Amino acid sequence: MTEPGRTSSTNSGSLPASQFTGLILLSGVDTPGITQALFTALAPFSITIIDIEQVVARDRVILTVLISLNPDHREAIEEDLNACALELGVDIATSFQVQEISSIAAKTGLMHVVALGNPLAPSAIASIAAEIAEHGGNIERIHRTASYPITAIEFVISEVDQQCIREGLAQIANSEGVDIAVSPGGLMRWAKKLVVMDVDSTLIQQEVIDLLGTHAGVETQIREITERAMRGEIDFEASLRARVALLEGLDESVISQVRNQIVLTPGARTLVTTLQKLGHSVAVVSGGFTAVIEPLIKELNISHYRANSLEIIGGKLTGKITGKIIDRAAKAEALRDFAKAEGVELEQTIAIGDGANDLDMIAAAGLGIAFNAKPAVKAAADSTVSAPYLDSVLYLLGITREEVEEASFKAGKRE
């Protein structure tokens, strides 16, 4: 016999602003068929599904469902849900009330806050939540996007100004030893991106000029000039020309030897291939030398790149550079040129670097990321990555570890 409230049809049409709702919370050991059983129990009733959220952590499942219903059907629904809980061996709790419906999908101005930590401590989460609350923001959703090799947690928040929250969270990142990125929500979050990277100590682990200096027996002198530049005693162009002058007479064959010494930063290949697989563009701009890095860049299928050119005459380095020097202003210019070539707005560009030479392109980009950078670069960047894995940048862009693994698997099959 059909009990009161049960029907084979469902409601249609737009939802009223205020209605009688029920919140269902299921928790227990995750087993196949739980979701099906719960909704099979609800199917005979004339209700509307408003929202669903399910999370599985280790072997435990938490499933929440928000429904609208006729208040006269409440007891019958609770009775069937209790029977369902007994059959599944799980806990099901319910809460019913009249409320105004406000769906996260209907909200505008949502922001995404991604926190990276290795490890990620409770105090960091508490501080982030406190900062959001301090600015009048509300956390709409929290979920994990990666657990290896670092932990990445994404907060979806509303009712907060991007610039204000970014400044406050930057201080928390420093005090808590975590990396935090803030980006706007909406459709443009998934638009095509252009990611422009520095090379030395970013895409690769070494400094190419130091490797060349070692072969020439002038590594100490080169490092002394680098330190002078870092102290502000000489500018980048002057320091570069002075260091290259020390390489005069070096045999051209050393370039091939240095190429073989280059080691990619952990996660660099994954970052590049994943971005390319997802339809984004990757470019490189370097204060180093085209002759050394060009084969690696071509191997990674990176079409846009700029670097300095060493003058070679008679099979020997002359100690001079030909063409325009790629300094900090030239790096920012390259970012703009590459964005124009790819048809990408500057707001959709990401610049990644570690040194003062990267500051202008970090400032010009829609999102500037300091990768294991000097303090001044960290202070100027929108976000930082302190972990030694370059693919951590993917999590700051909202890409999950599962998506990274899928892209890597498909890239491997293609090769």
Protein backbone atom coordinates (compact mmCIF):
# COMPACT_ATOMS: atom_id res chain seq x y z
CA MET A 1 0.00 0.00 0.00
CA THR A 2 1.29 3.45 -0.87
CA GLU A 3 1.82 5.57 2.24
CA PRO A 4 0.97 9.29 2.40
CA GLY A 5 3.56 11.39 0.66
CA ARG A 6 4.85 8.71 -1.68
CA THR A 7 4.45 9.27 -5.41
CA SER A 8 6.09 8.18 -8.62
CA SER A 9 6.56 11.73 -9.89
CA THR A 10 8.95 14.54 -9.00
CA ASN A 11 8.48 18.27 -8.73
CA SER A 12 9.32 20.45 -11.69
CA GLY A 13 9.63 24.15 -12.34
CA SER A 14 11.65 26.80 -10.51
CA LEU A 15 12.30 26.51 -6.79
CA PRO A 16 10.70 29.04 -4.43
CA ALA A 17 13.05 31.37 -2.58
CA SER A 18 11.96 29.94 0.79
CA GLN A 19 10.90 26.34 1.32
CA PHE A 20 10.84 23.40 3.69
CA THR A 21 14.15 21.55 3.36
CA GLY A 22 15.81 18.48 4.72
CA LEU A 23 19.54 17.97 5.21
CA ILE A 24 20.60 14.32 5.10
CA LEU A 25 24.04 13.32 6.39
CA LEU A 26 25.23 9.76 5.76
CA SER A 27 28.55 8.53 7.21
CA GLY A 28 30.16 5.13 7.52
CA VAL A 29 32.45 2.59 5.89
CA ASP A 30 32.49 3.08 2.13
CA THR A 31 31.07 0.13 0.19
CA PRO A 32 29.66 -0.17 -3.34
CA GLY A 33 25.97 0.68 -3.63
CA ILE A 34 25.63 3.19 -0.78
CA THR A 35 24.69 6.14 -2.99
CA GLN A 36 22.27 4.01 -5.00
CA ALA A 37 20.58 2.66 -1.85
CA LEU A 38 20.14 6.12 -0.34
CA PHE A 39 18.53 7.62 -3.41
CA THR A 40 16.43 4.52 -4.03
CA ALA A 41 14.97 5.11 -0.54
CA LEU A 42 14.21 8.73 -1.47
CA ALA A 43 12.89 8.01 -4.97
CA PRO A 44 9.22 7.23 -4.01
CA PHE A 45 8.78 10.67 -2.42
CA SER A 46 7.81 13.92 -4.10
CA ILE A 47 11.04 15.79 -3.33
CA THR A 48 13.59 17.90 -5.19
CA ILE A 49 17.35 17.45 -4.92
CA ILE A 50 18.95 20.83 -4.25
CA ASP A 51 22.56 19.92 -3.49
CA ILE A 52 24.78 16.85 -3.10
CA GLU A 53 28.30 16.47 -1.76
CA GLN A 54 30.19 13.21 -1.26
CA VAL A 55 33.71 12.70 0.09
CA VAL A 56 35.65 9.50 0.68
CA ALA A 57 38.64 9.70 3.03
CA ARG A 58 40.55 6.45 3.39
CA ASP A 59 37.70 3.91 3.73
CA ARG A 60 35.11 6.29 5.20
CA VAL A 61 32.37 8.00 3.22
CA ILE A 62 30.47 11.17 4.06
CA LEU A 63 27.50 11.93 1.83
CA THR A 64 25.33 15.01 2.32
CA VAL A 65 22.11 15.72 0.45
CA LEU A 66 19.93 18.83 0.66
CA ILE A 67 16.34 18.29 -0.44
CA SER A 68 13.12 20.24 -0.55
CA LEU A 69 9.95 18.40 0.50
CA ASN A 70 6.39 18.68 1.72
CA PRO A 71 6.58 18.96 5.55
CA ASP A 72 3.75 16.41 5.81
CA HIS A 73 6.11 13.77 4.39
CA ARG A 74 8.89 14.29 6.91
CA GLU A 75 8.09 11.35 9.20
CA ALA A 76 7.71 8.90 6.31
CA ILE A 77 11.05 9.97 4.85
CA GLU A 78 12.81 9.64 8.22
CA GLU A 79 11.31 6.16 8.68
CA ASP A 80 12.61 4.95 5.32
CA LEU A 81 16.01 6.54 5.88
CA ASN A 82 16.35 4.79 9.25
CA ALA A 83 15.57 1.48 7.56
CA CYS A 84 18.14 2.27 4.87
CA ALA A 85 20.79 3.03 7.53
CA LEU A 86 20.18 -0.33 9.23
CA GLU A 87 20.41 -2.19 5.94
CA LEU A 88 23.67 -0.47 4.92
CA GLY A 89 25.29 -0.45 8.37
CA VAL A 90 25.85 3.31 8.25
CA ASP A 91 24.71 6.36 10.21
CA ILE A 92 22.11 8.68 8.66
CA ALA A 93 21.21 11.92 10.42
CA THR A 94 18.55 14.38 9.25
CA SER A 95 17.67 17.98 9.92
CA PHE A 96 14.49 19.69 8.65
CA GLN A 97 13.61 23.39 8.55
CA VAL A 98 12.17 26.21 6.47
CA GLN A 99 14.99 28.17 4.84
CA GLU A 100 15.92 30.40 1.94
CA ILE A 101 17.80 28.46 -0.71
CA SER A 102 21.21 29.85 -1.65
CA SER A 103 23.16 27.59 -3.96
CA ILE A 104 26.91 28.00 -4.43
CA ALA A 105 26.30 27.62 -8.16
CA ALA A 106 24.19 30.78 -8.15
CA LYS A 107 26.77 32.90 -6.34
CA THR A 108 29.06 35.28 -8.19
CA GLY A 109 32.46 36.60 -7.24
CA LEU A 110 33.70 33.28 -5.87
CA MET A 111 37.40 33.05 -5.08
CA HIS A 112 39.67 30.01 -4.95
CA VAL A 113 42.35 29.80 -2.28
CA VAL A 114 44.85 26.95 -2.67
CA ALA A 115 47.21 26.06 0.18
CA LEU A 116 50.24 23.81 -0.32
CA GLY A 117 52.15 22.26 2.55
CA ASN A 118 54.64 19.51 3.23
CA PRO A 119 53.54 18.90 5.89
CA LEU A 120 50.32 20.90 6.22
CA ALA A 121 49.68 21.68 9.89
CA PRO A 122 46.27 22.40 11.52
CA SER A 123 47.47 25.86 12.54
CA ALA A 124 47.84 26.80 8.86
CA ILE A 125 44.24 25.85 8.09
CA ALA A 126 43.06 27.69 11.20
CA SER A 127 44.96 30.83 10.20
CA ILE A 128 43.61 30.75 6.64
CA ALA A 129 40.05 30.32 7.89
CA ALA A 130 40.52 33.15 10.40
CA GLU A 131 41.83 35.48 7.69
CA ILE A 132 38.86 34.71 5.46
CA ALA A 133 36.46 35.39 8.33
CA GLU A 134 38.32 38.60 9.21
CA HIS A 135 37.52 39.96 5.74
CA GLY A 136 33.87 38.92 5.99
CA GLY A 137 34.32 35.98 3.63
CA ASN A 138 32.50 32.68 3.81
CA ILE A 139 34.03 29.28 3.04
CA GLU A 140 31.63 27.55 0.67
CA ARG A 141 33.63 24.40 0.08
CA ILE A 142 36.94 22.76 1.04
CA HIS A 143 38.47 19.82 -0.78
CA ARG A 144 41.85 18.16 -1.26
CA THR A 145 43.38 18.36 -4.73
CA ALA A 146 46.64 16.53 -4.03
CA SER A 147 48.24 14.42 -1.33
CA TYR A 148 51.53 13.58 -3.05
CA PRO A 149 54.28 14.74 -3.14
CA ILE A 150 52.74 17.63 -1.20
CA THR A 151 49.30 18.22 0.27
CA ALA A 152 47.11 20.70 -1.60
CA ILE A 153 43.83 21.99 -0.14
CA GLU A 154 41.46 24.25 -2.06
CA PHE A 155 38.98 26.61 -0.40
CA VAL A 156 36.11 28.06 -2.42
CA ILE A 157 35.13 31.32 -0.73
CA SER A 158 32.59 34.10 -1.29
CA GLU A 159 31.97 37.68 -0.19
CA VAL A 160 35.60 38.76 -0.16
CA ASP A 161 37.85 41.14 -2.12
CA GLN A 162 40.68 39.38 -3.97
CA GLN A 163 43.40 41.94 -3.32
CA CYS A 164 42.63 42.32 0.38
CA ILE A 165 42.51 38.59 1.04
CA ARG A 166 45.65 37.99 -1.02
CA GLU A 167 47.69 40.43 1.05
CA GLY A 168 46.53 38.91 4.33
CA LEU A 169 47.11 35.35 3.19
CA ALA A 170 50.62 36.25 1.99
CA GLN A 171 51.53 37.05 5.58
CA ILE A 172 50.07 33.74 6.74
CA ALA A 173 52.06 31.89 4.10
CA ASN A 174 55.26 33.34 5.57
CA SER A 175 54.37 32.75 9.21
CA GLU A 176 52.99 29.23 8.71
CA GLY A 177 55.53 28.03 6.16
CA VAL A 178 52.95 27.17 3.50
CA ASP A 179 52.36 28.27 -0.08
CA ILE A 180 49.06 30.02 -0.88
CA ALA A 181 47.56 31.18 -4.16
CA VAL A 182 44.38 33.20 -4.67
CA SER A 183 42.53 33.25 -7.98
CA PRO A 184 39.06 34.33 -9.11
CA GLY A 185 36.42 31.74 -9.89
CA GLY A 186 34.12 31.66 -12.85
CA LEU A 187 34.54 30.44 -16.39
CA MET A 188 37.83 32.29 -17.00
CA ARG A 189 39.55 30.10 -14.43
CA TRP A 190 39.52 27.35 -17.05
CA ALA A 191 40.51 29.57 -20.00
CA LYS A 192 43.70 28.93 -21.94
CA LYS A 193 46.78 29.96 -19.97
CA LEU A 194 50.29 30.94 -20.95
CA VAL A 195 52.95 29.86 -18.45
CA VAL A 196 56.32 31.59 -18.85
CA MET A 197 59.27 30.19 -16.91
CA ASP A 198 62.77 31.25 -16.05
CA VAL A 199 65.37 28.53 -16.75
CA ASP A 200 68.31 28.61 -14.33
CA SER A 201 67.27 27.33 -10.88
CA THR A 202 63.67 27.12 -12.08
CA LEU A 203 63.22 24.85 -15.10
CA ILE A 204 66.64 23.34 -14.42
CA GLN A 205 68.53 22.85 -11.17
CA GLN A 206 71.77 24.54 -12.18
CA GLU A 207 73.03 27.97 -13.20
CA VAL A 208 74.41 27.57 -16.74
CA ILE A 209 76.95 30.40 -16.38
CA ASP A 210 78.41 28.62 -13.35
CA LEU A 211 78.75 25.37 -15.30
CA LEU A 212 80.54 27.17 -18.12
CA GLY A 213 82.73 28.94 -15.58
CA THR A 214 83.79 25.64 -14.05
CA HIS A 215 84.99 24.37 -17.44
CA ALA A 216 86.88 27.63 -17.95
CA GLY A 217 88.40 27.51 -14.46
CA VAL A 218 86.80 30.84 -13.49
CA GLU A 219 83.84 29.69 -11.39
CA THR A 220 85.04 31.63 -8.31
CA GLN A 221 85.39 34.88 -10.24
CA ILE A 222 81.96 34.43 -11.83
CA ARG A 223 80.31 33.89 -8.46
CA GLU A 224 82.01 37.01 -7.07
CA ILE A 225 80.51 39.08 -9.88
CA THR A 226 77.10 37.47 -9.29
CA GLU A 227 77.27 38.39 -5.60
CA ARG A 228 78.16 42.00 -6.50
CA ALA A 229 75.11 42.15 -8.72
CA MET A 230 72.93 40.74 -5.94
CA ARG A 231 74.25 43.48 -3.62
CA GLY A 232 73.22 46.07 -6.22
CA GLU A 233 76.77 47.19 -6.97
CA ILE A 234 76.32 46.46 -10.70
CA ASP A 235 73.23 45.87 -12.82
CA PHE A 236 72.33 42.61 -14.54
CA GLU A 237 73.60 43.56 -18.00
CA ALA A 238 76.97 44.73 -16.67
CA SER A 239 77.34 41.63 -14.53
CA LEU A 240 76.39 39.32 -17.40
CA ARG A 241 78.88 40.91 -19.79
CA ALA A 242 81.60 40.75 -17.12
CA ARG A 243 80.96 37.07 -16.44
CA VAL A 244 80.81 36.12 -20.13
CA ALA A 245 84.09 38.01 -20.73
CA LEU A 246 85.75 35.50 -18.41
CA LEU A 247 84.78 32.71 -20.83
CA GLU A 248 86.88 34.12 -23.66
CA GLY A 249 88.83 31.40 -25.44
CA LEU A 250 86.68 28.52 -24.16
CA ASP A 251 86.28 25.82 -26.77
CA GLU A 252 82.85 25.56 -28.40
CA SER A 253 82.76 21.82 -27.57
CA VAL A 254 82.26 22.73 -23.90
CA ILE A 255 78.69 23.79 -24.72
CA SER A 256 77.76 20.16 -25.51
CA GLN A 257 79.37 19.03 -22.26
CA VAL A 258 77.38 21.57 -20.27
CA ARG A 259 74.16 20.48 -22.00
CA ASN A 260 74.79 16.96 -20.70
CA GLN A 261 75.24 18.30 -17.16
CA ILE A 262 71.86 20.01 -17.09
CA VAL A 263 69.27 18.36 -14.83
CA LEU A 264 65.61 19.28 -14.92
CA THR A 265 64.04 20.45 -11.67
CA PRO A 266 61.86 17.67 -10.15
CA GLY A 267 58.37 17.95 -11.62
CA ALA A 268 59.45 20.19 -14.51
CA ARG A 269 58.65 17.70 -17.25
CA THR A 270 55.33 16.86 -15.58
CA LEU A 271 54.43 20.55 -15.38
CA VAL A 272 55.15 21.16 -19.05
CA THR A 273 53.50 18.02 -20.44
CA THR A 274 50.40 18.41 -18.25
CA LEU A 275 49.87 22.04 -19.26
CA GLN A 276 50.31 21.15 -22.92
CA LYS A 277 47.95 18.19 -22.65
CA LEU A 278 45.30 20.46 -21.12
CA GLY A 279 45.59 22.94 -23.99
CA HIS A 280 47.73 25.58 -22.28
CA SER A 281 50.93 27.09 -23.68
CA VAL A 282 54.38 27.03 -22.11
CA ALA A 283 57.20 29.46 -22.88
CA VAL A 284 60.72 30.01 -21.58
CA VAL A 285 62.67 33.23 -21.13
CA SER A 286 66.20 33.06 -19.79
CA GLY A 287 69.13 35.24 -18.87
CA GLY A 288 71.21 32.20 -19.88
CA PHE A 289 72.27 31.10 -23.31
CA THR A 290 70.33 29.78 -26.29
CA ALA A 291 73.18 27.52 -27.44
CA VAL A 292 73.05 25.60 -24.17
CA ILE A 293 69.31 25.34 -23.47
CA GLU A 294 67.79 25.22 -26.97
CA PRO A 295 67.98 21.40 -27.40
CA LEU A 296 66.24 20.86 -24.05
CA ILE A 297 63.52 23.38 -24.90
CA LYS A 298 62.87 21.68 -28.23
CA GLU A 299 62.77 18.28 -26.52
CA LEU A 300 60.00 19.64 -24.26
CA ASN A 301 58.09 20.91 -27.34
CA ILE A 302 58.30 24.51 -26.15
CA SER A 303 57.95 26.76 -29.17
CA HIS A 304 58.32 30.21 -27.57
CA TYR A 305 61.67 31.00 -25.95
CA ARG A 306 64.25 33.76 -25.63
CA ALA A 307 67.76 33.74 -24.20
CA ASN A 308 71.13 35.39 -24.75
CA SER A 309 73.44 34.45 -27.63
CA LEU A 310 77.12 33.71 -27.07
CA GLU A 311 79.45 34.93 -29.79
CA ILE A 312 81.53 32.08 -31.23
CA ILE A 313 84.27 32.62 -33.81
CA GLY A 314 86.58 29.92 -35.08
CA GLY A 315 85.18 27.38 -32.65
CA LYS A 316 85.98 29.54 -29.62
CA LEU A 317 83.86 31.73 -27.32
CA THR A 318 84.90 35.36 -27.75
CA GLY A 319 83.68 36.45 -24.33
CA LYS A 320 80.97 38.58 -25.90
CA ILE A 321 77.19 38.42 -26.34
CA THR A 322 75.49 39.16 -29.64
CA GLY A 323 72.07 40.74 -29.93
CA LYS A 324 69.80 42.14 -27.26
CA ILE A 325 70.49 41.29 -23.62
CA ILE A 326 67.66 39.38 -21.94
CA ASP A 327 67.40 41.33 -18.70
CA ARG A 328 64.39 41.83 -16.41
CA ALA A 329 62.72 44.32 -18.76
CA ALA A 330 63.27 42.01 -21.73
CA LYS A 331 61.70 39.12 -19.83
CA ALA A 332 58.53 41.13 -19.24
CA GLU A 333 58.54 42.16 -22.91
CA ALA A 334 58.86 38.48 -23.92
CA LEU A 335 55.90 37.55 -21.76
CA ARG A 336 53.74 40.17 -23.49
CA ASP A 337 54.94 39.12 -26.93
CA PHE A 338 54.32 35.42 -26.27
CA ALA A 339 50.85 36.18 -24.89
CA LYS A 340 49.98 38.16 -28.02
CA ALA A 341 51.27 35.36 -30.25
CA GLU A 342 49.15 32.80 -28.39
CA GLY A 343 46.05 35.02 -28.21
CA VAL A 344 46.10 34.95 -24.41
CA GLU A 345 45.11 37.95 -22.30
CA LEU A 346 47.72 39.10 -19.76
CA GLU A 347 45.27 38.22 -16.97
CA GLN A 348 45.59 34.59 -18.10
CA THR A 349 49.41 34.51 -17.97
CA ILE A 350 51.56 32.95 -15.25
CA ALA A 351 55.21 33.87 -14.70
CA ILE A 352 57.51 31.62 -12.66
CA GLY A 353 60.96 32.70 -11.52
CA ASP A 354 63.39 32.85 -8.62
CA GLY A 355 65.58 35.93 -8.99
CA ALA A 356 65.52 39.71 -9.25
CA ASN A 357 65.84 39.35 -13.01
CA ASP A 358 62.32 37.85 -13.02
CA LEU A 359 60.60 40.64 -11.09
CA ASP A 360 59.26 42.57 -14.09
CA MET A 361 57.64 39.56 -15.74
CA ILE A 362 56.23 38.43 -12.40
CA ALA A 363 54.66 41.87 -12.00
CA ALA A 364 53.32 41.88 -15.56
CA ALA A 365 51.71 38.44 -15.39
CA GLY A 366 48.20 37.74 -14.19
CA LEU A 367 49.73 35.42 -11.59
CA GLY A 368 53.36 35.75 -10.53
CA ILE A 369 54.89 32.76 -8.76
CA ALA A 370 58.19 32.82 -6.87
CA PHE A 371 59.77 29.36 -7.07
CA ASN A 372 62.22 28.69 -4.23
CA ALA A 373 63.06 32.34 -4.64
CA LYS A 374 65.02 35.11 -3.00
CA PRO A 375 63.12 37.02 -0.25
CA ALA A 376 62.61 40.10 -2.45
CA VAL A 377 61.03 37.98 -5.17
CA LYS A 378 58.76 36.21 -2.69
CA ALA A 379 57.60 39.58 -1.39
CA ALA A 380 56.76 40.81 -4.89
CA ALA A 381 55.07 37.65 -6.20
CA ASP A 382 51.38 36.81 -5.93
CA SER A 383 52.22 33.32 -4.70
CA THR A 384 55.20 31.20 -3.76
CA VAL A 385 56.26 27.59 -4.14
CA SER A 386 58.73 26.49 -1.50
CA ALA A 387 58.60 22.76 -2.19
CA PRO A 388 61.31 21.50 -4.58
CA TYR A 389 58.74 20.23 -7.07
CA LEU A 390 57.95 22.45 -10.04
CA ASP A 391 54.72 20.59 -10.81
CA SER A 392 53.32 21.97 -7.53
CA VAL A 393 52.42 25.00 -9.67
CA LEU A 394 49.67 22.87 -11.24
CA TYR A 395 47.83 22.64 -7.91
CA LEU A 396 47.93 26.42 -7.53
CA LEU A 397 46.07 26.58 -10.85
CA GLY A 398 43.31 24.28 -9.58
CA ILE A 399 44.56 21.18 -11.41
CA THR A 400 44.24 18.05 -9.26
CA ARG A 401 46.75 15.27 -8.75
CA GLU A 402 44.33 12.85 -10.44
CA GLU A 403 44.28 15.06 -13.54
CA VAL A 404 48.07 15.25 -13.50
CA GLU A 405 48.35 11.47 -13.32
CA GLU A 406 45.85 11.06 -16.15
CA ALA A 407 47.72 13.51 -18.38
CA SER A 408 51.04 11.80 -17.61
CA PHE A 409 49.57 8.37 -18.38
CA LYS A 410 48.16 9.52 -21.72
CA ALA A 411 51.41 11.26 -22.62
CA GLY A 412 53.28 8.03 -21.85
CA LYS A 413 50.93 5.99 -24.03
CA ARG A 414 51.34 8.45 -26.87
CA GLU A 415 55.13 8.16 -26.71
